[in-house]
Protein backbone atom coordinates (compact mmCIF):
# COMPACT_ATOMS: atom_id res chain seq x y z
CA UNK A 1 -3.37 -18.72 -16.78
CA UNK A 2 -2.84 -17.45 -13.03
CA UNK A 3 0.49 -16.00 -12.38
CA UNK A 4 1.80 -15.59 -8.86
CA UNK A 5 3.31 -12.27 -7.84
CA UNK A 6 6.97 -11.99 -8.84
CA UNK A 7 10.19 -11.30 -7.14
CA UNK A 8 8.86 -11.02 -3.73
CA UNK A 9 12.00 -12.44 -2.22
CA UNK A 10 14.24 -10.19 -4.29
CA UNK A 11 12.40 -7.16 -3.27
CA UNK A 12 12.60 -8.14 0.45
CA UNK A 13 16.20 -8.93 0.32
CA UNK A 14 16.92 -5.58 -1.49
CA UNK A 15 15.23 -3.68 1.33
CA UNK A 16 17.33 -5.35 3.93
CA UNK A 17 20.51 -4.84 1.94
CA UNK A 18 20.03 -1.23 1.32
CA UNK A 19 19.03 0.02 4.76
CA UNK A 20 22.30 1.66 5.86
CA UNK A 21 23.98 -0.17 8.66
CA UNK A 22 23.96 2.82 10.91
CA UNK A 23 20.08 3.28 10.59
CA UNK A 24 19.32 -0.40 11.15
CA UNK A 25 17.19 -0.98 14.30
CA UNK A 26 18.93 -1.94 17.65
CA UNK A 27 17.83 -4.96 19.63
CA UNK A 28 15.53 -4.46 22.55
CA UNK A 29 18.48 -4.24 25.01
CA UNK A 30 19.94 -1.46 22.90
CA UNK A 31 16.68 0.51 22.20
CA UNK A 32 17.03 4.12 23.66
CA UNK A 33 14.06 5.41 25.38
CA UNK A 34 12.24 8.71 24.83
CA UNK A 35 13.42 10.99 27.66
CA UNK A 36 10.74 13.53 28.38
CA UNK A 37 7.42 14.50 26.66
CA UNK A 38 7.39 17.78 24.81
CA UNK A 39 4.79 20.35 25.23
CA UNK A 40 2.07 20.99 22.69
CA UNK A 41 3.21 23.41 20.18
CA UNK A 42 1.70 25.34 17.15
CA UNK A 43 4.53 25.70 14.55
CA UNK A 44 4.25 27.33 11.19
CA UNK A 45 6.78 26.42 8.40
CA UNK A 46 7.96 27.81 5.15
CA UNK A 47 10.50 25.70 3.16
CA UNK A 48 13.40 27.66 4.89
CA UNK A 49 12.03 28.64 8.41
CA UNK A 50 9.90 27.75 11.41
CA UNK A 51 7.87 30.09 13.64
CA UNK A 52 7.42 28.80 17.25
CA UNK A 53 4.32 29.26 19.41
CA UNK A 54 5.99 32.32 21.03
CA UNK A 55 6.31 34.02 17.75
CA UNK A 56 10.12 33.39 17.30
CA UNK A 57 11.26 32.72 13.68
CA UNK A 58 14.21 30.49 13.04
CA UNK A 59 15.96 29.68 9.85
CA UNK A 60 15.91 25.84 9.23
CA UNK A 61 17.75 23.35 6.85
CA UNK A 62 14.76 21.00 7.35
CA UNK A 63 11.65 22.58 8.49
CA UNK A 64 9.48 19.62 8.95
CA UNK A 65 12.03 17.61 11.15
CA UNK A 66 12.96 20.63 13.00
CA UNK A 67 9.24 21.43 13.92
CA UNK A 68 8.49 17.66 14.74
CA UNK A 69 11.49 17.59 16.97
CA UNK A 70 9.92 20.45 19.11
CA UNK A 71 6.53 18.83 19.29
CA UNK A 72 4.56 16.84 21.81
CA UNK A 73 0.96 15.37 21.69
CA UNK A 74 -1.73 17.68 20.50
CA UNK A 75 0.83 19.83 18.42
CA UNK A 76 0.15 21.16 15.05
CA UNK A 77 2.49 22.06 12.34
CA UNK A 78 1.42 24.03 9.35
CA UNK A 79 3.25 24.07 6.03
CA UNK A 80 3.22 26.88 3.48
CA UNK A 81 3.41 26.02 -0.09
CA UNK A 82 6.81 25.14 -1.41
CA UNK A 83 9.37 22.17 -1.52
CA UNK A 84 10.53 20.63 1.73
CA UNK A 85 13.27 18.16 2.09
CA UNK A 86 13.06 14.51 2.89
CA UNK A 87 12.99 13.87 6.61
CA UNK A 88 12.99 10.97 9.05
CA UNK A 89 11.21 10.20 12.40
CA UNK A 90 12.16 8.00 15.13
CA UNK A 91 15.88 7.56 14.79
CA UNK A 92 18.25 7.77 17.87
CA UNK A 93 20.69 10.18 16.22
CA UNK A 94 21.07 13.87 15.91
CA UNK A 95 20.72 15.06 12.38
CA UNK A 96 19.15 17.79 10.44
CA UNK A 97 16.75 15.37 8.73
CA UNK A 98 15.54 13.37 11.85
CA UNK A 99 12.96 14.19 14.44
CA UNK A 100 14.01 11.99 17.47
CA UNK A 101 10.51 12.28 19.38
CA UNK A 102 7.85 9.92 20.73
CA UNK A 103 5.08 11.65 18.70
CA UNK A 104 1.54 12.00 19.76
CA UNK A 105 -0.90 9.82 21.29
CA UNK A 106 -4.16 8.16 20.07
CA UNK A 107 -6.34 10.92 21.66
CA UNK A 108 -3.76 13.68 20.80
CA UNK A 109 -1.88 12.97 17.46
CA UNK A 110 0.64 15.42 16.19
CA UNK A 111 -0.70 16.95 13.00
CA UNK A 112 1.42 18.09 10.03
CA UNK A 113 -0.97 20.12 7.83
CA UNK A 114 -0.46 21.73 4.44
CA UNK A 115 -2.27 25.08 4.19
CA UNK A 116 -2.60 25.03 0.43
CA UNK A 117 -2.04 22.61 -2.36
CA UNK A 118 1.52 23.28 -3.00
CA UNK A 119 3.46 21.71 -0.17
CA UNK A 120 5.75 19.13 -1.51
CA UNK A 121 8.22 16.88 0.29
CA UNK A 122 11.00 16.03 -2.17
CA UNK A 123 13.87 13.39 -1.84
CA UNK A 124 17.47 14.76 -1.45
CA UNK A 125 20.19 12.24 -1.17
CA UNK A 126 18.26 9.47 0.74
CA UNK A 127 16.45 6.64 -1.12
CA UNK A 128 13.32 7.41 0.86
CA UNK A 129 11.42 10.56 1.13
CA UNK A 130 9.71 9.95 4.50
CA UNK A 131 11.44 7.55 6.71
CA UNK A 132 9.84 6.14 9.88
CA UNK A 133 12.04 4.03 12.52
CA UNK A 134 11.29 2.91 15.99
CA UNK A 135 14.79 3.44 17.46
CA UNK A 136 12.92 5.80 19.67
CA UNK A 137 9.27 4.51 20.06
CA UNK A 138 7.25 6.86 17.95
CA UNK A 139 3.71 6.92 16.54
CA UNK A 140 0.43 8.80 16.29
CA UNK A 141 1.28 11.44 13.70
CA UNK A 142 -1.13 12.58 11.04
CA UNK A 143 0.02 14.28 7.76
CA UNK A 144 -2.52 16.22 5.72
CA UNK A 145 -2.43 17.51 2.19
CA UNK A 146 1.18 16.72 1.32
CA UNK A 147 2.44 15.75 -2.11
CA UNK A 148 5.19 13.36 -1.69
CA UNK A 149 7.74 12.75 -4.38
CA UNK A 150 9.06 9.31 -4.16
CA UNK A 151 12.70 8.69 -3.69
CA UNK A 152 14.67 6.08 -5.76
CA UNK A 153 13.34 3.46 -3.15
CA UNK A 154 10.22 4.72 -1.44
CA UNK A 155 7.94 7.76 -0.97
CA UNK A 156 7.08 6.53 2.61
CA UNK A 157 9.38 3.88 4.23
CA UNK A 158 8.43 2.22 7.55
CA UNK A 159 11.40 0.09 8.63
CA UNK A 160 11.31 -3.62 9.13
CA UNK A 161 10.69 -4.31 12.83
CA UNK A 162 11.13 -7.31 15.28
CA UNK A 163 10.37 -8.34 18.80
CA UNK A 164 6.57 -7.62 18.56
CA UNK A 165 7.26 -4.03 17.93
CA UNK A 166 4.96 -1.80 15.66
CA UNK A 167 4.43 1.35 13.65
CA UNK A 168 1.34 2.65 15.22
CA UNK A 169 -1.08 5.41 14.41
CA UNK A 170 0.47 6.97 11.35
CA UNK A 171 -2.17 8.66 9.01
CA UNK A 172 -1.84 10.05 5.61
CA UNK A 173 -4.90 12.17 4.71
CA UNK A 174 -5.44 13.81 1.30
CA UNK A 175 -1.92 13.12 0.37
CA UNK A 176 -0.27 12.29 -3.12
CA UNK A 177 2.59 9.76 -3.80
CA UNK A 178 4.26 10.74 -7.17
CA UNK A 179 6.77 8.41 -8.72
CA UNK A 180 7.57 10.53 -11.67
CA UNK A 181 8.01 7.95 -14.39
CA UNK A 182 6.38 8.07 -17.81
CA UNK A 183 5.88 4.22 -18.68
CA UNK A 184 4.57 5.30 -22.17
CA UNK A 185 8.01 6.95 -23.06
CA UNK A 186 10.03 4.73 -20.74
CA UNK A 187 11.68 7.87 -19.05
CA UNK A 188 11.58 9.62 -15.67
CA UNK A 189 12.52 9.22 -12.06
CA UNK A 190 13.75 5.89 -10.71
CA UNK A 191 10.98 5.32 -8.15
CA UNK A 192 10.37 1.84 -6.65
CA UNK A 193 7.55 1.85 -4.06
CA UNK A 194 4.94 4.51 -2.77
CA UNK A 195 4.64 3.09 0.61
CA UNK A 196 6.80 0.22 1.99
CA UNK A 197 5.56 -0.59 5.54
CA UNK A 198 6.30 -3.53 8.02
CA UNK A 199 4.29 -4.16 11.33
CA UNK A 200 1.67 -1.45 10.74
CA UNK A 201 -1.21 -0.64 13.02
CA UNK A 202 -3.85 1.78 12.99
CA UNK A 203 -2.46 2.94 9.60
CA UNK A 204 -4.56 5.12 7.22
CA UNK A 205 -3.89 6.43 3.69
CA UNK A 206 -7.19 8.13 2.76
CA UNK A 207 -8.75 10.81 0.68
CA UNK A 208 -11.04 12.97 3.08
CA UNK A 209 -11.69 16.30 1.44
CA UNK A 210 -10.97 14.89 -1.95
CA UNK A 211 -9.17 12.07 -3.64
CA UNK A 212 -5.75 10.84 -2.56
CA UNK A 213 -3.47 9.29 -5.04
CA UNK A 214 -0.39 7.09 -5.89
CA UNK A 215 0.82 7.19 -9.40
CA UNK A 216 3.64 6.70 -11.98
CA UNK A 217 5.77 4.40 -9.75
CA UNK A 218 8.57 2.95 -11.97
CA UNK A 219 9.46 -0.43 -10.65
CA UNK A 220 6.99 -1.82 -8.26
CA UNK A 221 4.01 -1.44 -5.88
CA UNK A 222 1.82 1.53 -4.86
CA UNK A 223 1.45 0.10 -1.33
CA UNK A 224 3.82 -2.95 -0.24
CA UNK A 225 2.69 -3.91 3.26
CA UNK A 226 4.01 -6.79 5.34
CA UNK A 227 2.94 -8.54 8.48
CA UNK A 228 0.30 -6.16 9.60
CA UNK A 229 -0.25 -6.10 13.36
CA UNK A 230 -3.44 -4.10 13.47
CA UNK A 231 -6.09 -2.25 11.42
CA UNK A 232 -5.09 -0.71 8.14
CA UNK A 233 -7.36 1.37 5.82
CA UNK A 234 -6.68 2.67 2.27
CA UNK A 235 -9.71 4.61 1.09
CA UNK A 236 -10.58 7.01 -1.56
CA UNK A 237 -7.17 6.67 -3.33
CA UNK A 238 -6.64 6.78 -7.19
CA UNK A 239 -3.76 4.66 -8.48
CA UNK A 240 -2.47 4.84 -11.86
CA UNK A 241 0.45 3.65 -14.00
CA UNK A 242 2.16 1.40 -11.40
CA UNK A 243 5.20 -0.84 -12.01
CA UNK A 244 3.61 -3.55 -10.14
CA UNK A 245 0.46 -3.73 -7.87
CA UNK A 246 -1.61 -1.08 -6.42
CA UNK A 247 -1.59 -3.13 -3.13
CA UNK A 248 0.40 -6.09 -2.08
CA UNK A 249 -0.03 -7.53 1.32
CA UNK A 250 2.22 -10.36 2.65
CA UNK A 251 3.28 -11.92 5.94
CA UNK A 252 6.43 -13.92 5.50
CA UNK A 253 7.30 -16.29 8.34
CA UNK A 254 10.77 -14.97 8.50
CA UNK A 255 9.69 -11.48 8.82
CA UNK A 256 7.23 -11.91 11.80
CA UNK A 257 3.90 -13.32 13.00
CA UNK A 258 0.94 -13.88 10.74
CA UNK A 259 -0.89 -10.80 9.95
CA UNK A 260 -3.83 -9.59 12.15
CA UNK A 261 -6.21 -6.75 12.31
CA UNK A 262 -8.75 -5.69 9.49
CA UNK A 263 -7.49 -4.56 6.17
CA UNK A 264 -9.96 -2.18 4.34
CA UNK A 265 -9.59 -1.15 0.81
CA UNK A 266 -12.63 1.03 0.07
CA UNK A 267 -13.66 3.39 -2.79
CA UNK A 268 -10.25 3.09 -4.60
CA UNK A 269 -9.73 3.52 -8.40
CA UNK A 270 -7.07 1.62 -10.10
CA UNK A 271 -5.87 2.03 -13.55
CA UNK A 272 -3.14 0.28 -15.63
CA UNK A 273 -1.02 -1.28 -12.97
CA UNK A 274 1.57 -4.00 -13.24
CA UNK A 275 3.18 -2.43 -16.34
CA UNK A 276 7.11 -2.36 -15.26
CA UNK A 277 9.48 -3.15 -18.06
CA UNK A 278 11.68 -5.06 -15.63
CA UNK A 279 8.75 -7.71 -15.01
CA UNK A 280 7.95 -7.85 -18.82
CA UNK A 281 4.93 -5.85 -18.09
CA UNK A 282 3.43 -8.57 -15.95
CA UNK A 283 4.08 -7.48 -12.41
CA UNK A 284 1.19 -9.37 -10.47
CA UNK A 285 -2.47 -8.50 -10.23
CA UNK A 286 -3.49 -5.06 -9.19
CA UNK A 287 -4.84 -6.08 -5.66
CA UNK A 288 -2.80 -9.12 -4.06
CA UNK A 289 -3.21 -10.83 -0.85
CA UNK A 290 -0.41 -13.23 -0.38
CA UNK A 291 -0.95 -15.37 2.55
CA UNK A 292 -0.88 -15.39 6.40
CA UNK A 293 -3.23 -12.47 7.08
CA UNK A 294 -5.46 -14.19 9.54
CA UNK A 295 -7.59 -11.08 10.13
CA UNK A 296 -10.35 -9.81 7.76
CA UNK A 297 -9.62 -8.41 4.39
CA UNK A 298 -12.35 -6.18 3.11
CA UNK A 299 -12.49 -4.89 -0.47
CA UNK A 300 -15.40 -2.80 -1.24
CA UNK A 301 -16.61 -0.25 -3.81
CA UNK A 302 -13.31 -0.35 -5.79
CA UNK A 303 -12.92 0.38 -9.40
CA UNK A 304 -10.30 -1.30 -11.67
CA UNK A 305 -9.67 -0.42 -15.39
CA UNK A 306 -6.90 -1.87 -17.53
CA UNK A 307 -6.33 -1.71 -21.30
CA UNK A 308 -8.55 1.22 -22.12
CA UNK A 309 -5.40 3.70 -22.55
CA UNK A 310 -4.07 3.25 -26.19
CA UNK A 311 -0.90 4.99 -25.03
CA UNK A 312 -0.08 1.95 -22.67
CA UNK A 313 -1.33 -1.05 -24.46
CA UNK A 314 1.85 -1.53 -26.40
CA UNK A 315 3.48 -2.38 -23.06
CA UNK A 316 3.51 -6.14 -23.29
CA UNK A 317 5.52 -9.01 -24.61
CA UNK A 318 5.39 -10.01 -28.23
CA UNK A 319 2.28 -12.38 -28.78
CA UNK A 320 0.94 -11.79 -25.15
CA UNK A 321 -2.00 -9.59 -24.56
CA UNK A 322 -1.60 -6.29 -22.53
CA UNK A 323 -2.54 -6.42 -18.91
CA UNK A 324 -2.66 -8.90 -15.95
CA UNK A 325 -5.57 -9.19 -13.43
CA UNK A 326 -7.51 -7.24 -11.00
CA UNK A 327 -7.43 -9.28 -7.89
CA UNK A 328 -5.64 -12.31 -6.52
CA UNK A 329 -5.67 -14.10 -3.21
CA UNK A 330 -3.44 -17.07 -2.24
CA UNK A 331 -1.53 -18.42 0.72
CA UNK A 332 2.06 -18.17 -0.78
CA UNK A 333 2.58 -21.81 0.21
CA UNK A 334 2.10 -20.90 3.88
CA UNK A 335 -0.60 -20.37 6.19
CA UNK A 336 -4.18 -19.29 4.65
CA UNK A 337 -5.62 -15.92 4.89
CA UNK A 338 -8.52 -15.53 7.14
CA UNK A 339 -11.78 -13.88 6.08
CA UNK A 340 -11.94 -12.27 2.58
CA UNK A 341 -14.85 -9.94 1.60
CA UNK A 342 -15.32 -8.63 -1.93
CA UNK A 343 -18.42 -6.18 -2.02
CA UNK A 344 -19.80 -3.95 -4.69
CA UNK A 345 -16.46 -3.82 -6.70
CA UNK A 346 -16.40 -2.93 -10.43
CA UNK A 347 -13.33 -4.68 -12.01
CA UNK A 348 -13.10 -4.41 -15.98
CA UNK A 349 -10.33 -5.14 -18.39
CA UNK A 350 -10.61 -4.18 -22.13
CA UNK A 351 -11.67 -6.69 -24.66
CA UNK A 352 -8.54 -8.72 -25.71
CA UNK A 353 -6.56 -7.87 -22.66
CA UNK A 354 -5.49 -9.78 -19.65
CA UNK A 355 -3.38 -12.99 -19.42
CA UNK A 356 -4.98 -14.52 -16.34
CA UNK A 357 -8.38 -14.51 -14.44
CA UNK A 358 -9.73 -11.09 -13.71
CA UNK A 359 -10.23 -12.34 -10.05
CA UNK A 360 -8.49 -15.43 -8.63
CA UNK A 361 -8.98 -16.62 -5.08
CA UNK A 362 -7.38 -19.47 -3.19
CA UNK A 363 -5.88 -19.91 0.37
CA UNK A 364 -8.61 -18.27 2.26
CA UNK A 365 -10.63 -19.86 5.07
CA UNK A 366 -13.86 -17.73 4.32
CA UNK A 367 -14.61 -16.20 1.02
CA UNK A 368 -17.52 -13.82 0.64
CA UNK A 369 -18.29 -12.42 -2.83
CA UNK A 370 -21.40 -10.54 -1.78
CA UNK A 371 -23.69 -7.77 -3.00
CA UNK A 372 -23.39 -6.49 -6.64
CA UNK A 373 -19.78 -7.03 -7.72
CA UNK A 374 -19.25 -6.40 -11.49
CA UNK A 375 -16.52 -8.44 -13.25
CA UNK A 376 -15.91 -7.76 -16.92
CA UNK A 377 -13.19 -10.05 -18.25
CA UNK A 378 -11.09 -9.73 -21.31
CA UNK A 379 -9.29 -12.72 -22.57
CA UNK A 380 -9.69 -15.07 -19.52
CA UNK A 381 -12.22 -16.00 -17.09
CA UNK A 382 -13.98 -13.49 -14.84
CA UNK A 383 -13.75 -15.38 -11.42
CA UNK A 384 -11.78 -18.44 -10.39
CA UNK A 385 -12.05 -20.17 -7.04
CA UNK A 386 -9.22 -22.53 -6.40
CA UNK A 387 -7.78 -21.96 -9.83
CA UNK A 388 -6.14 -24.87 -11.56
CA UNK A 389 -3.45 -24.11 -14.17
CA UNK A 390 -0.84 -26.18 -16.04
CA UNK A 391 1.93 -24.99 -13.48
CA UNK A 392 -0.58 -25.12 -10.46
CA UNK A 393 -1.75 -22.29 -8.51
CA UNK A 394 0.51 -23.09 -5.48
CA UNK A 395 -2.22 -22.50 -2.97
CA UNK A 396 -4.38 -24.37 -0.42
CA UNK A 397 -8.05 -24.58 -1.18
CA UNK A 398 -10.51 -22.09 0.25
CA UNK A 399 -12.71 -22.94 3.04
CA UNK A 400 -16.39 -21.56 3.07
CA UNK A 401 -17.13 -19.93 -0.23
CA UNK A 402 -20.22 -17.53 -0.70
CA UNK A 403 -21.06 -16.06 -4.06
CA UNK A 404 -24.05 -13.63 -4.23
CA UNK A 405 -26.42 -14.24 -7.17
CA UNK A 406 -26.28 -10.44 -7.56
CA UNK A 407 -22.70 -10.95 -9.11
CA UNK A 408 -22.55 -9.45 -12.51
CA UNK A 409 -20.10 -11.29 -14.61
CA UNK A 410 -19.05 -10.93 -18.30
CA UNK A 411 -16.86 -14.01 -18.53
CA UNK A 412 -16.92 -17.50 -17.12
CA UNK A 413 -16.95 -18.55 -13.44
CA UNK A 414 -14.72 -21.46 -12.58
CA UNK A 415 -14.50 -23.73 -9.46
CA UNK A 416 -11.34 -25.78 -9.16
CA UNK A 417 -10.75 -25.40 -12.82
CA UNK A 418 -14.11 -26.31 -14.24
CA UNK A 419 -16.79 -23.86 -15.43
CA UNK A 420 -19.53 -23.55 -12.60
CA UNK A 421 -22.94 -25.00 -13.10
CA UNK A 422 -26.16 -23.23 -12.18
CA UNK A 423 -26.66 -25.76 -9.32
CA UNK A 424 -23.12 -25.09 -7.86
CA UNK A 425 -23.59 -21.37 -7.85
CA UNK A 426 -27.11 -21.95 -6.21
CA UNK A 427 -25.51 -23.86 -3.39
CA UNK A 428 -23.01 -21.09 -2.81
CA UNK A 429 -25.48 -18.35 -2.61
CA UNK A 430 -25.81 -16.58 0.94
CA UNK A 431 -28.44 -17.82 3.25
CA UNK A 432 -30.94 -15.19 3.72
CA UNK A 433 -32.46 -14.69 6.99
């Protein structure tokens, strides 16, 4: 049976309620302006010092924020191994933890680069470890090689925006988001999200030299993204043991316009998501597209596995199989999504596991299941287009649907609740030129 993602409204309300009043965004008429561009710098940091381009070394309570505050477009900041405190960017306030800067540019981003494998950003008193605001317009900052320990709220928090503003050009390359919760033992850090992001454009979280990762989040999503306003890429990322989804994309009407741009999720590997105790171990499907994203959503060469780790399969309700599903798209009762492309994915759930279709798709104007997707179901169907359940899927029907004959399925394929016939599938095959 298809289950819709749970507690979306509660999560949204919590974010708004828990942003400190002094940190909430001013309206357009109140927005301070960035006064003067800073020069390009090369600054090297240790966990307690910064060394400037002129060779001067200074003690610092928050080296990353301190270094960023001195940087203009084209600057590079290097980090020696060690633990660095949480920091913010783009708040209109003087504070040890905040860098009140405009950032870089598309052609000259600011780069914050770990020199080894041991540079960690750790939460202090804040609920978020890295916090991005737009009280001062800021963007185009690239972080490379960081391990980010999630605070009790988020590892990376992009504050909610309004008035057609955006968080633009933030990239996290070869970074790791660590929640610190052991689901099998039921103990550890009280993390909630890996990335919480509103109104993102030209955002990237990618593995470049190796694999990036998000893991061991206690309560909710690895990536929780709302009302995208430009291209977003999540690539070469390993996600494991997450309270809810690896990725949930929403575009609520009261949070902004419909989502735009191309969402690309490529070469990601997801294992045992959606296992939070607070959701009775049923926190949605691993990849969730929840309406009003009018651009393209491309999921290609991704891997999903659930139910193959014996230490985790006990995490379910009595009489209910372990696990949920790999992918769901729907319109959340609002405007349909645009074009959805599933290409060359490998989604498998262990025998006897799963309480819903492995892949369920509704509410999309153009659905393309193309090339060689492999879908191996456990208890339920492998693929359902416009699912019908006793409680209703709650979504509009898809428009154009293409299913490539190269699809490799272990489990049934259903169209509007009925098992698809050979003739129906043949009619949905792509037209070869």
